[in-house]
Amino acid sequence: MPKQLIAVCISKNKGERKTPVEQVELRENHGIVSDAHAGDWHRQVSLLAKESVDKMRALGLDVDNGDFAENLTTTGVDLPKLPIGTHLQIGDVLLEITQIGKECHHHCAIYHQAGDCIMPKEGVFARVLTGGSLRPGDQINLPS
């Protein structure tokens, strides 16, 4: 299975679903330009695997890319198993994994619909080491 981006998504505000777009621009030590989660911190970019989204679909939820507030939807990479500090090369962009999962302070709409949410367990976060543009279909390279 190829390791690649399925979707790139942004939102104007924190705490809302993100909208898939054709392309995003990532800035070093900032995140995705025009995304609510960009800034000088360790969770500049969020990633979630399509395989995780598919688990929620199997529970009967009508969810799609960006619905878990992830910036990058991937396929072919077991994201939660990547060690902190792992580098992901996607085109010209270099990301460093900084956090696996997150605490959910307030149960989101997805949690109330399904009784569960995958982002706290299977979502990962990264900071941007090298910026550039990303679009669906871009290949993901992991260190060997």
Protein backbone atom coordinates (compact mmCIF):
# COMPACT_ATOMS: atom_id res chain seq x y z
CA MET A 1 0.00 0.00 0.00
CA PRO A 2 1.45 3.40 -0.91
CA LYS A 3 2.22 5.84 1.88
CA GLN A 4 0.54 9.07 0.81
CA LEU A 5 -1.67 12.01 1.68
CA ILE A 6 -5.36 11.49 1.01
CA ALA A 7 -6.49 15.00 2.03
CA VAL A 8 -5.16 18.34 3.28
CA CYS A 9 -7.55 20.33 5.47
CA ILE A 10 -7.77 23.69 7.26
CA SER A 11 -10.15 25.60 9.54
CA LYS A 12 -10.37 29.23 10.62
CA ASN A 13 -11.24 28.39 14.24
CA LYS A 14 -10.07 25.83 16.78
CA GLY A 15 -12.57 23.21 17.88
CA GLU A 16 -14.29 22.79 14.53
CA ARG A 17 -14.13 20.34 11.67
CA LYS A 18 -11.60 21.19 9.00
CA THR A 19 -12.40 21.62 5.32
CA PRO A 20 -10.48 19.74 2.64
CA VAL A 21 -8.66 22.04 0.19
CA GLU A 22 -6.63 21.45 -2.98
CA GLN A 23 -3.30 22.52 -1.46
CA VAL A 24 -1.80 23.88 1.75
CA GLU A 25 1.35 25.87 2.38
CA LEU A 26 3.42 24.95 5.44
CA ARG A 27 5.79 27.42 7.05
CA GLU A 28 8.80 26.34 9.11
CA ASN A 29 8.20 26.54 12.89
CA HIS A 30 4.64 27.75 12.26
CA GLY A 31 2.41 25.14 10.63
CA ILE A 32 -0.15 25.49 7.86
CA VAL A 33 -0.67 29.05 6.67
CA SER A 34 -4.28 30.18 7.41
CA ASP A 35 -5.03 27.28 9.79
CA ALA A 36 -6.30 27.90 13.32
CA HIS A 37 -3.75 25.57 14.91
CA ALA A 38 -0.65 27.15 13.35
CA GLY A 39 1.74 28.94 15.69
CA ASP A 40 4.89 28.63 17.74
CA TRP A 41 4.11 25.41 19.61
CA HIS A 42 4.56 21.63 19.31
CA ARG A 43 1.17 20.85 17.69
CA GLN A 44 1.48 22.87 14.48
CA VAL A 45 0.06 20.12 12.23
CA SER A 46 -2.30 17.24 13.05
CA LEU A 47 -2.35 13.93 11.18
CA LEU A 48 -4.87 11.11 11.17
CA ALA A 49 -4.87 7.93 9.09
CA LYS A 50 -7.70 7.17 6.68
CA GLU A 51 -7.67 3.73 8.27
CA SER A 52 -8.69 5.37 11.58
CA VAL A 53 -11.49 7.33 9.90
CA ASP A 54 -12.68 4.07 8.30
CA LYS A 55 -13.02 2.52 11.80
CA MET A 56 -15.52 5.23 12.71
CA ARG A 57 -17.37 4.76 9.42
CA ALA A 58 -17.66 1.05 10.27
CA LEU A 59 -19.51 2.12 13.44
CA GLY A 60 -22.08 3.79 11.21
CA LEU A 61 -20.84 7.38 11.39
CA ASP A 62 -21.05 9.63 8.37
CA VAL A 63 -17.54 11.11 8.65
CA ASP A 64 -14.98 12.24 6.13
CA ASN A 65 -11.54 13.80 5.85
CA GLY A 66 -11.13 16.77 8.19
CA ASP A 67 -14.10 15.82 10.38
CA PHE A 68 -11.78 14.97 13.29
CA ALA A 69 -10.06 18.37 12.90
CA GLU A 70 -6.99 16.76 11.32
CA ASN A 71 -4.89 18.77 8.87
CA LEU A 72 -3.43 15.81 6.99
CA THR A 73 -5.26 12.57 6.28
CA THR A 74 -2.81 9.80 5.39
CA THR A 75 -2.91 6.20 4.21
CA GLY A 76 -0.38 3.41 4.51
CA VAL A 77 1.32 4.74 7.67
CA ASP A 78 0.56 3.41 11.18
CA LEU A 79 0.74 6.89 12.69
CA PRO A 80 0.18 6.08 16.39
CA LYS A 81 3.10 3.61 16.31
CA LEU A 82 5.61 6.23 15.13
CA PRO A 83 8.03 7.19 17.91
CA ILE A 84 8.16 10.81 19.06
CA GLY A 85 10.90 12.51 17.05
CA THR A 86 10.20 10.54 13.84
CA HIS A 87 10.65 12.61 10.69
CA LEU A 88 8.15 12.43 7.84
CA GLN A 89 9.29 13.70 4.44
CA ILE A 90 6.37 14.70 2.21
CA GLY A 91 7.59 16.41 -0.95
CA ASP A 92 9.73 19.35 0.18
CA VAL A 93 8.07 19.40 3.62
CA LEU A 94 9.80 17.83 6.62
CA LEU A 95 7.69 17.17 9.74
CA GLU A 96 8.77 15.92 13.15
CA ILE A 97 6.29 13.92 15.24
CA THR A 98 5.94 15.67 18.62
CA GLN A 99 2.89 14.04 20.24
CA ILE A 100 0.78 10.90 19.89
CA GLY A 101 -2.87 11.41 20.81
CA LYS A 102 -4.22 14.18 22.99
CA GLU A 103 -6.38 14.70 26.00
CA CYS A 104 -9.99 15.46 25.10
CA HIS A 105 -11.13 18.08 27.64
CA HIS A 106 -14.64 18.39 26.23
CA HIS A 107 -16.29 15.58 24.33
CA CYS A 108 -16.64 16.66 20.70
CA ALA A 109 -19.66 16.16 18.45
CA ILE A 110 -18.12 12.95 17.09
CA TYR A 111 -17.81 11.53 20.61
CA HIS A 112 -21.47 12.28 21.31
CA GLN A 113 -22.52 10.65 18.04
CA ALA A 114 -20.45 7.49 18.42
CA GLY A 115 -19.63 7.27 22.11
CA ASP A 116 -15.96 7.41 21.13
CA CYS A 117 -13.47 9.53 19.21
CA ILE A 118 -10.27 8.37 17.59
CA MET A 119 -8.24 11.58 17.63
CA PRO A 120 -7.22 11.30 21.32
CA LYS A 121 -5.80 7.81 20.71
CA GLU A 122 -4.81 7.68 17.02
CA GLY A 123 -4.17 11.26 15.97
CA VAL A 124 -0.59 12.51 15.92
CA PHE A 125 0.88 15.99 15.98
CA ALA A 126 3.97 17.43 14.38
CA ARG A 127 6.00 20.56 14.00
CA VAL A 128 7.26 21.84 10.67
CA LEU A 129 11.03 21.61 10.25
CA THR A 130 11.02 22.53 6.54
CA GLY A 131 8.12 24.28 4.85
CA GLY A 132 6.59 23.85 1.42
CA SER A 133 3.34 22.95 -0.33
CA LEU A 134 1.32 19.77 0.15
CA ARG A 135 -1.60 18.33 -1.80
CA PRO A 136 -3.53 15.05 -1.87
CA GLY A 137 -1.56 12.28 -3.56
CA ASP A 138 1.83 13.44 -2.26
CA GLN A 139 4.02 10.50 -1.18
CA ILE A 140 5.12 10.11 2.46
CA ASN A 141 8.65 8.91 3.13
CA LEU A 142 9.74 7.51 6.48
CA PRO A 143 13.31 6.99 7.61
CA SER A 144 14.47 3.40 7.22
